[in-house]
């Protein structure tokens, strides 16, 4: 799977997903840090990547309707923390 990790996820998640045979890019690695969500989304879709984020701005179903893009995973945790994040993803 082709994945892009948003800037609100730790970069150390990339090698974990790569070890599972995924192709992983990061927003930081592509100099998208601090960019507006539409810019991140456009770059993600241009590369036909599945976006993993914790940004609630991506929860707008009308804007990001299933079937209209390569994929989107909005990660929400009841107990935030790196270990919980790694387990969830």
PDB file of N, CA and C in Angstrom:
ATOM      1  N   UNK A   1       0.849  -1.168   0.000  1.00  0.00           N
ATOM      2  CA  UNK A   1       0.000   0.000   0.000  1.00  0.00           C
ATOM      3  C   UNK A   1       0.899   1.237   0.000  1.00  0.00           C
ATOM      4  N   UNK A   2       0.492   2.247  -0.741  1.00  0.00           N
ATOM      5  CA  UNK A   2       1.215   3.519  -0.774  1.00  0.00           C
ATOM      6  C   UNK A   2       0.591   4.440   0.274  1.00  0.00           C
ATOM      7  N   UNK A   3       1.407   4.851   1.249  1.00  0.00           N
ATOM      8  CA  UNK A   3       0.918   5.608   2.404  1.00  0.00           C
ATOM      9  C   UNK A   3       1.654   6.930   2.524  1.00  0.00           C
ATOM     10  N   UNK A   4       0.929   7.963   2.974  1.00  0.00           N
ATOM     11  CA  UNK A   4       1.566   9.214   3.393  1.00  0.00           C
ATOM     12  C   UNK A   4       1.182   9.447   4.841  1.00  0.00           C
ATOM     13  N   UNK A   5       2.189   9.689   5.678  1.00  0.00           N
ATOM     14  CA  UNK A   5       1.957  10.026   7.084  1.00  0.00           C
ATOM     15  C   UNK A   5       1.892  11.537   7.218  1.00  0.00           C
ATOM     16  N   UNK A   6       0.848  12.035   7.814  1.00  0.00           N
ATOM     17  CA  UNK A   6       0.706  13.470   8.042  1.00  0.00           C
ATOM     18  C   UNK A   6       1.735  13.927   9.074  1.00  0.00           C
ATOM     19  N   UNK A   7       1.943  15.219   9.152  1.00  0.00           N
ATOM     20  CA  UNK A   7       2.959  15.767  10.051  1.00  0.00           C
ATOM     21  C   UNK A   7       2.652  15.538  11.526  1.00  0.00           C
ATOM     22  N   UNK A   8       1.411  15.208  11.871  1.00  0.00           N
ATOM     23  CA  UNK A   8       1.056  15.003  13.275  1.00  0.00           C
ATOM     24  C   UNK A   8       1.293  13.563  13.734  1.00  0.00           C
ATOM     25  N   UNK A   9       1.959  12.788  12.909  1.00  0.00           N
ATOM     26  CA  UNK A   9       2.341  11.423  13.267  1.00  0.00           C
ATOM     27  C   UNK A   9       3.863  11.339  13.347  1.00  0.00           C
ATOM     28  N   UNK A  10       4.382  10.511  14.243  1.00  0.00           N
ATOM     29  CA  UNK A  10       5.841  10.418  14.381  1.00  0.00           C
ATOM     30  C   UNK A  10       6.491   9.770  13.155  1.00  0.00           C
ATOM     31  N   UNK A  11       7.614  10.339  12.717  1.00  0.00           N
ATOM     32  CA  UNK A  11       8.339   9.789  11.572  1.00  0.00           C
ATOM     33  C   UNK A  11       8.795   8.359  11.828  1.00  0.00           C
ATOM     34  N   UNK A  12       8.985   7.996  13.085  1.00  0.00           N
ATOM     35  CA  UNK A  12       9.467   6.637  13.367  1.00  0.00           C
ATOM     36  C   UNK A  12       8.406   5.580  13.072  1.00  0.00           C
ATOM     37  N   UNK A  13       7.217   5.997  12.737  1.00  0.00           N
ATOM     38  CA  UNK A  13       6.188   5.062  12.292  1.00  0.00           C
ATOM     39  C   UNK A  13       6.473   4.581  10.860  1.00  0.00           C
ATOM     40  N   UNK A  14       7.161   5.399  10.075  1.00  0.00           N
ATOM     41  CA  UNK A  14       7.441   5.056   8.672  1.00  0.00           C
ATOM     42  C   UNK A  14       8.214   3.746   8.526  1.00  0.00           C
ATOM     43  N   UNK A  15       9.332   3.548   9.244  1.00  0.00           N
ATOM     44  CA  UNK A  15      10.039   2.271   9.070  1.00  0.00           C
ATOM     45  C   UNK A  15       9.234   1.057   9.544  1.00  0.00           C
ATOM     46  N   UNK A  16       8.368   1.262  10.511  1.00  0.00           N
ATOM     47  CA  UNK A  16       7.517   0.158  10.981  1.00  0.00           C
ATOM     48  C   UNK A  16       6.577  -0.274   9.849  1.00  0.00           C
ATOM     49  N   UNK A  17       5.965   0.696   9.185  1.00  0.00           N
ATOM     50  CA  UNK A  17       5.056   0.381   8.079  1.00  0.00           C
ATOM     51  C   UNK A  17       5.821  -0.131   6.860  1.00  0.00           C
ATOM     52  N   UNK A  18       7.014   0.397   6.633  1.00  0.00           N
ATOM     53  CA  UNK A  18       7.852  -0.076   5.528  1.00  0.00           C
ATOM     54  C   UNK A  18       8.222  -1.542   5.732  1.00  0.00           C
ATOM     55  N   UNK A  19       8.514  -1.913   6.974  1.00  0.00           N
ATOM     56  CA  UNK A  19       8.846  -3.312   7.282  1.00  0.00           C
ATOM     57  C   UNK A  19       7.669  -4.248   7.004  1.00  0.00           C
ATOM     58  N   UNK A  20       6.470  -3.692   6.956  1.00  0.00           N
ATOM     59  CA  UNK A  20       5.271  -4.475   6.629  1.00  0.00           C
ATOM     60  C   UNK A  20       4.972  -4.427   5.126  1.00  0.00           C
ATOM     61  N   UNK A  21       5.982  -4.013   4.353  1.00  0.00           N
ATOM     62  CA  UNK A  21       5.930  -3.983   2.881  1.00  0.00           C
ATOM     63  C   UNK A  21       5.074  -2.853   2.307  1.00  0.00           C
ATOM     64  N   UNK A  22       4.905  -1.770   3.059  1.00  0.00           N
ATOM     65  CA  UNK A  22       4.205  -0.599   2.538  1.00  0.00           C
ATOM     66  C   UNK A  22       5.231   0.406   2.018  1.00  0.00           C
ATOM     67  N   UNK A  23       4.837   1.190   1.040  1.00  0.00           N
ATOM     68  CA  UNK A  23       5.644   2.299   0.541  1.00  0.00           C
ATOM     69  C   UNK A  23       5.186   3.542   1.303  1.00  0.00           C
ATOM     70  N   UNK A  24       6.085   4.134   2.095  1.00  0.00           N
ATOM     71  CA  UNK A  24       5.681   5.204   3.011  1.00  0.00           C
ATOM     72  C   UNK A  24       6.428   6.504   2.722  1.00  0.00           C
ATOM     73  N   UNK A  25       5.677   7.575   2.538  1.00  0.00           N
ATOM     74  CA  UNK A  25       6.207   8.937   2.470  1.00  0.00           C
ATOM     75  C   UNK A  25       5.692   9.673   3.697  1.00  0.00           C
ATOM     76  N   UNK A  26       6.401  10.725   4.087  1.00  0.00           N
ATOM     77  CA  UNK A  26       5.948  11.544   5.212  1.00  0.00           C
ATOM     78  C   UNK A  26       5.762  12.983   4.753  1.00  0.00           C
ATOM     79  N   UNK A  27       4.853  13.673   5.394  1.00  0.00           N
ATOM     80  CA  UNK A  27       4.646  15.093   5.087  1.00  0.00           C
ATOM     81  C   UNK A  27       5.936  15.870   5.347  1.00  0.00           C
ATOM     82  N   UNK A  28       6.630  15.538   6.434  1.00  0.00           N
ATOM     83  CA  UNK A  28       7.891  16.218   6.731  1.00  0.00           C
ATOM     84  C   UNK A  28       8.926  15.961   5.645  1.00  0.00           C
ATOM     85  N   UNK A  29       9.016  14.721   5.206  1.00  0.00           N
ATOM     86  CA  UNK A  29       9.988  14.354   4.179  1.00  0.00           C
ATOM     87  C   UNK A  29       9.727  15.023   2.843  1.00  0.00           C
ATOM     88  N   UNK A  30       8.510  15.446   2.625  1.00  0.00           N
ATOM     89  CA  UNK A  30       8.145  16.118   1.377  1.00  0.00           C
ATOM     90  C   UNK A  30       7.953  17.621   1.569  1.00  0.00           C
ATOM     91  N   UNK A  31       8.453  18.136   2.677  1.00  0.00           N
ATOM     92  CA  UNK A  31       8.406  19.576   2.977  1.00  0.00           C
ATOM     93  C   UNK A  31       6.979  20.128   2.976  1.00  0.00           C
ATOM     94  N   UNK A  32       6.044  19.337   3.507  1.00  0.00           N
ATOM     95  CA  UNK A  32       4.652  19.772   3.606  1.00  0.00           C
ATOM     96  C   UNK A  32       4.292  20.227   5.018  1.00  0.00           C
ATOM     97  N   UNK A  33       5.264  20.249   5.909  1.00  0.00           N
ATOM     98  CA  UNK A  33       5.014  20.665   7.290  1.00  0.00           C
ATOM     99  C   UNK A  33       4.533  22.113   7.315  1.00  0.00           C
ATOM    100  N   UNK A  34       3.442  22.340   8.025  1.00  0.00           N
ATOM    101  CA  UNK A  34       2.907  23.694   8.146  1.00  0.00           C
ATOM    102  C   UNK A  34       2.042  24.124   6.974  1.00  0.00           C
ATOM    103  N   UNK A  35       1.944  23.290   5.963  1.00  0.00           N
ATOM    104  CA  UNK A  35       1.109  23.631   4.808  1.00  0.00           C
ATOM    105  C   UNK A  35      -0.361  23.422   5.147  1.00  0.00           C
ATOM    106  N   UNK A  36      -1.206  24.112   4.441  1.00  0.00           N
ATOM    107  CA  UNK A  36      -2.654  23.980   4.639  1.00  0.00           C
ATOM    108  C   UNK A  36      -3.101  22.567   4.255  1.00  0.00           C
ATOM    109  N   UNK A  37      -4.143  22.098   4.920  1.00  0.00           N
ATOM    110  CA  UNK A  37      -4.656  20.748   4.661  1.00  0.00           C
ATOM    111  C   UNK A  37      -4.941  20.490   3.177  1.00  0.00           C
ATOM    112  N   UNK A  38      -5.539  21.437   2.447  1.00  0.00           N
ATOM    113  CA  UNK A  38      -5.784  21.173   1.023  1.00  0.00           C
ATOM    114  C   UNK A  38      -4.496  20.907   0.233  1.00  0.00           C
ATOM    115  N   UNK A  39      -3.399  21.550   0.620  1.00  0.00           N
ATOM    116  CA  UNK A  39      -2.128  21.297  -0.063  1.00  0.00           C
ATOM    117  C   UNK A  39      -1.614  19.891   0.248  1.00  0.00           C
ATOM    118  N   UNK A  40      -1.731  19.485   1.499  1.00  0.00           N
ATOM    119  CA  UNK A  40      -1.315  18.134   1.891  1.00  0.00           C
ATOM    120  C   UNK A  40      -2.176  17.114   1.155  1.00  0.00           C
ATOM    121  N   UNK A  41      -3.469  17.357   1.115  1.00  0.00           N
ATOM    122  CA  UNK A  41      -4.393  16.443   0.454  1.00  0.00           C
ATOM    123  C   UNK A  41      -4.093  16.331  -1.038  1.00  0.00           C
ATOM    124  N   UNK A  42      -3.860  17.462  -1.696  1.00  0.00           N
ATOM    125  CA  UNK A  42      -3.561  17.462  -3.130  1.00  0.00           C
ATOM    126  C   UNK A  42      -2.289  16.675  -3.416  1.00  0.00           C
ATOM    127  N   UNK A  43      -1.249  16.895  -2.617  1.00  0.00           N
ATOM    128  CA  UNK A  43       0.010  16.161  -2.801  1.00  0.00           C
ATOM    129  C   UNK A  43      -0.189  14.669  -2.566  1.00  0.00           C
ATOM    130  N   UNK A  44      -0.984  14.337  -1.570  1.00  0.00           N
ATOM    131  CA  UNK A  44      -1.250  12.929  -1.253  1.00  0.00           C
ATOM    132  C   UNK A  44      -1.991  12.250  -2.395  1.00  0.00           C
ATOM    133  N   UNK A  45      -3.003  12.896  -2.915  1.00  0.00           N
ATOM    134  CA  UNK A  45      -3.790  12.295  -3.986  1.00  0.00           C
ATOM    135  C   UNK A  45      -3.044  12.280  -5.309  1.00  0.00           C
ATOM    136  N   UNK A  46      -2.201  13.286  -5.566  1.00  0.00           N
ATOM    137  CA  UNK A  46      -1.397  13.292  -6.792  1.00  0.00           C
ATOM    138  C   UNK A  46      -0.462  12.082  -6.821  1.00  0.00           C
ATOM    139  N   UNK A  47      -0.008  11.662  -5.647  1.00  0.00           N
ATOM    140  CA  UNK A  47       0.869  10.492  -5.540  1.00  0.00           C
ATOM    141  C   UNK A  47       0.069   9.202  -5.351  1.00  0.00           C
ATOM    142  N   UNK A  48      -1.246   9.302  -5.362  1.00  0.00           N
ATOM    143  CA  UNK A  48      -2.150   8.162  -5.168  1.00  0.00           C
ATOM    144  C   UNK A  48      -1.816   7.402  -3.883  1.00  0.00           C
ATOM    145  N   UNK A  49      -1.678   8.169  -2.794  1.00  0.00           N
ATOM    146  CA  UNK A  49      -1.332   7.585  -1.504  1.00  0.00           C
ATOM    147  C   UNK A  49      -2.511   7.636  -0.546  1.00  0.00           C
ATOM    148  N   UNK A  50      -2.499   6.719   0.394  1.00  0.00           N
ATOM    149  CA  UNK A  50      -3.473   6.603   1.479  1.00  0.00           C
ATOM    150  C   UNK A  50      -2.962   7.487   2.618  1.00  0.00           C
ATOM    151  N   UNK A  51      -3.731   8.466   3.049  1.00  0.00           N
ATOM    152  CA  UNK A  51      -3.296   9.402   4.086  1.00  0.00           C
ATOM    153  C   UNK A  51      -3.672   8.890   5.468  1.00  0.00           C
ATOM    154  N   UNK A  52      -2.684   8.881   6.371  1.00  0.00           N
ATOM    155  CA  UNK A  52      -2.937   8.576   7.778  1.00  0.00           C
ATOM    156  C   UNK A  52      -2.675   9.855   8.561  1.00  0.00           C
ATOM    157  N   UNK A  53      -3.650  10.289   9.343  1.00  0.00           N
ATOM    158  CA  UNK A  53      -3.568  11.560  10.054  1.00  0.00           C
ATOM    159  C   UNK A  53      -4.332  11.503  11.374  1.00  0.00           C
ATOM    160  N   UNK A  54      -4.064  12.480  12.218  1.00  0.00           N
ATOM    161  CA  UNK A  54      -4.851  12.688  13.431  1.00  0.00           C
ATOM    162  C   UNK A  54      -5.611  14.010  13.354  1.00  0.00           C
ATOM    163  N   UNK A  55      -5.543  14.661  12.215  1.00  0.00           N
ATOM    164  CA  UNK A  55      -6.122  15.984  12.002  1.00  0.00           C
ATOM    165  C   UNK A  55      -7.630  15.878  11.753  1.00  0.00           C
ATOM    166  N   UNK A  56      -8.416  16.401  12.682  1.00  0.00           N
ATOM    167  CA  UNK A  56      -9.876  16.328  12.564  1.00  0.00           C
ATOM    168  C   UNK A  56     -10.436  17.089  11.370  1.00  0.00           C
ATOM    169  N   UNK A  57      -9.642  17.985  10.784  1.00  0.00           N
ATOM    170  CA  UNK A  57     -10.115  18.686   9.591  1.00  0.00           C
ATOM    171  C   UNK A  57     -10.397  17.707   8.451  1.00  0.00           C
ATOM    172  N   UNK A  58      -9.791  16.539   8.501  1.00  0.00           N
ATOM    173  CA  UNK A  58     -10.021  15.528   7.472  1.00  0.00           C
ATOM    174  C   UNK A  58     -11.244  14.664   7.767  1.00  0.00           C
ATOM    175  N   UNK A  59     -12.020  15.000   8.774  1.00  0.00           N
ATOM    176  CA  UNK A  59     -13.209  14.210   9.112  1.00  0.00           C
ATOM    177  C   UNK A  59     -14.449  14.647   8.331  1.00  0.00           C
ATOM    178  N   UNK A  60     -14.345  15.686   7.551  1.00  0.00           N
ATOM    179  CA  UNK A  60     -15.474  16.202   6.766  1.00  0.00           C
ATOM    180  C   UNK A  60     -15.809  15.233   5.627  1.00  0.00           C
ATOM    181  N   UNK A  61     -16.813  14.412   5.839  1.00  0.00           N
ATOM    182  CA  UNK A  61     -17.160  13.347   4.887  1.00  0.00           C
ATOM    183  C   UNK A  61     -17.573  13.870   3.509  1.00  0.00           C
ATOM    184  N   UNK A  62     -18.173  15.030   3.450  1.00  0.00           N
ATOM    185  CA  UNK A  62     -18.578  15.561   2.142  1.00  0.00           C
ATOM    186  C   UNK A  62     -17.365  15.926   1.307  1.00  0.00           C
ATOM    187  N   UNK A  63     -16.330  16.399   1.951  1.00  0.00           N
ATOM    188  CA  UNK A  63     -15.121  16.795   1.235  1.00  0.00           C
ATOM    189  C   UNK A  63     -14.261  15.586   0.878  1.00  0.00           C
ATOM    190  N   UNK A  64     -14.259  14.575   1.744  1.00  0.00           N
ATOM    191  CA  UNK A  64     -13.394  13.404   1.561  1.00  0.00           C
ATOM    192  C   UNK A  64     -14.247  12.139   1.472  1.00  0.00           C
ATOM    193  N   UNK A  65     -15.215  12.149   0.588  1.00  0.00           N
ATOM    194  CA  UNK A  65     -16.161  11.034   0.472  1.00  0.00           C
ATOM    195  C   UNK A  65     -15.448   9.743   0.071  1.00  0.00           C
ATOM    196  N   UNK A  66     -15.782   8.644   0.737  1.00  0.00           N
ATOM    197  CA  UNK A  66     -15.189   7.354   0.373  1.00  0.00           C
ATOM    198  C   UNK A  66     -15.406   7.048  -1.110  1.00  0.00           C
ATOM    199  N   UNK A  67     -14.388   6.477  -1.722  1.00  0.00           N
ATOM    200  CA  UNK A  67     -14.465   6.120  -3.133  1.00  0.00           C
ATOM    201  C   UNK A  67     -14.004   7.206  -4.077  1.00  0.00           C
ATOM    202  N   UNK A  68     -13.709   8.398  -3.541  1.00  0.00           N
ATOM    203  CA  UNK A  68     -13.272   9.505  -4.399  1.00  0.00           C
ATOM    204  C   UNK A  68     -11.776   9.767  -4.282  1.00  0.00           C
ATOM    205  N   UNK A  69     -11.071   8.919  -3.541  1.00  0.00           N
ATOM    206  CA  UNK A  69      -9.645   9.134  -3.307  1.00  0.00           C
ATOM    207  C   UNK A  69      -8.970   7.810  -2.971  1.00  0.00           C
ATOM    208  N   UNK A  70      -7.659   7.860  -2.790  1.00  0.00           N
ATOM    209  CA  UNK A  70      -6.873   6.645  -2.525  1.00  0.00           C
ATOM    210  C   UNK A  70      -7.064   6.107  -1.113  1.00  0.00           C
ATOM    211  N   UNK A  71      -7.606   6.897  -0.222  1.00  0.00           N
ATOM    212  CA  UNK A  71      -7.885   6.427   1.131  1.00  0.00           C
ATOM    213  C   UNK A  71      -7.465   7.414   2.196  1.00  0.00           C
ATOM    214  N   UNK A  72      -8.121   7.296   3.339  1.00  0.00           N
ATOM    215  CA  UNK A  72      -7.887   8.210   4.456  1.00  0.00           C
ATOM    216  C   UNK A  72      -8.175   7.478   5.759  1.00  0.00           C
ATOM    217  N   UNK A  73      -7.214   7.512   6.664  1.00  0.00           N
ATOM    218  CA  UNK A  73      -7.405   6.945   7.998  1.00  0.00           C
ATOM    219  C   UNK A  73      -7.221   8.066   9.005  1.00  0.00           C
ATOM    220  N   UNK A  74      -8.296   8.408   9.692  1.00  0.00           N
ATOM    221  CA  UNK A  74      -8.261   9.416  10.746  1.00  0.00           C
ATOM    222  C   UNK A  74      -8.137   8.667  12.068  1.00  0.00           C
ATOM    223  N   UNK A  75      -7.001   8.812  12.720  1.00  0.00           N
ATOM    224  CA  UNK A  75      -6.720   8.078  13.954  1.00  0.00           C
ATOM    225  C   UNK A  75      -7.135   8.921  15.150  1.00  0.00           C
ATOM    226  N   UNK A  76      -8.034   8.375  15.956  1.00  0.00           N
ATOM    227  CA  UNK A  76      -8.466   9.033  17.189  1.00  0.00           C
ATOM    228  C   UNK A  76      -8.246   8.051  18.328  1.00  0.00           C
ATOM    229  N   UNK A  77      -7.615   8.505  19.381  1.00  0.00           N
ATOM    230  CA  UNK A  77      -7.292   7.648  20.516  1.00  0.00           C
ATOM    231  C   UNK A  77      -7.939   8.169  21.791  1.00  0.00           C
ATOM    232  N   UNK A  78      -8.472   7.272  22.609  1.00  0.00           N
ATOM    233  CA  UNK A  78      -9.032   7.692  23.891  1.00  0.00           C
ATOM    234  C   UNK A  78      -7.915   8.029  24.865  1.00  0.00           C
ATOM    235  N   UNK A  79      -6.800   7.308  24.750  1.00  0.00           N
ATOM    236  CA  UNK A  79      -5.615   7.592  25.571  1.00  0.00           C
ATOM    237  C   UNK A  79      -4.445   7.867  24.642  1.00  0.00           C
ATOM    238  N   UNK A  80      -4.203   9.127  24.314  1.00  0.00           N
ATOM    239  CA  UNK A  80      -3.119   9.439  23.389  1.00  0.00           C
ATOM    240  C   UNK A  80      -1.764   9.021  23.949  1.00  0.00           C
ATOM    241  N   UNK A  81      -0.896   8.678  23.076  1.00  0.00           N
ATOM    242  CA  UNK A  81       0.465   8.301  23.425  1.00  0.00           C
ATOM    243  C   UNK A  81       1.068   7.525  22.273  1.00  0.00           C
ATOM    244  N   UNK A  82       2.393   7.561  22.175  1.00  0.00           N
ATOM    245  CA  UNK A  82       3.055   6.896  21.049  1.00  0.00           C
ATOM    246  C   UNK A  82       2.774   5.399  21.003  1.00  0.00           C
ATOM    247  N   UNK A  83       2.815   4.731  22.153  1.00  0.00           N
ATOM    248  CA  UNK A  83       2.568   3.291  22.147  1.00  0.00           C
ATOM    249  C   UNK A  83       1.153   2.981  21.679  1.00  0.00           C
ATOM    250  N   UNK A  84       0.186   3.736  22.164  1.00  0.00           N
ATOM    251  CA  UNK A  84      -1.201   3.527  21.745  1.00  0.00           C
ATOM    252  C   UNK A  84      -1.354   3.794  20.250  1.00  0.00           C
ATOM    253  N   UNK A  85      -0.677   4.807  19.767  1.00  0.00           N
ATOM    254  CA  UNK A  85      -0.730   5.151  18.351  1.00  0.00           C
ATOM    255  C   UNK A  85      -0.163   4.018  17.501  1.00  0.00           C
ATOM    256  N   UNK A  86       0.996   3.505  17.883  1.00  0.00           N
ATOM    257  CA  UNK A  86       1.614   2.413  17.135  1.00  0.00           C
ATOM    258  C   UNK A  86       0.724   1.169  17.152  1.00  0.00           C
ATOM    259  N   UNK A  87       0.120   0.881  18.281  1.00  0.00           N
ATOM    260  CA  UNK A  87      -0.765  -0.284  18.373  1.00  0.00           C
ATOM    261  C   UNK A  87      -1.995  -0.114  17.493  1.00  0.00           C
ATOM    262  N   UNK A  88      -2.551   1.083  17.459  1.00  0.00           N
ATOM    263  CA  UNK A  88      -3.760   1.340  16.685  1.00  0.00           C
ATOM    264  C   UNK A  88      -3.492   1.214  15.189  1.00  0.00           C
ATOM    265  N   UNK A  89      -2.394   1.777  14.743  1.00  0.00           N
ATOM    266  CA  UNK A  89      -2.094   1.758  13.301  1.00  0.00           C
ATOM    267  C   UNK A  89      -1.560   0.406  12.905  1.00  0.00           C
TER     268      UNK A  89
END
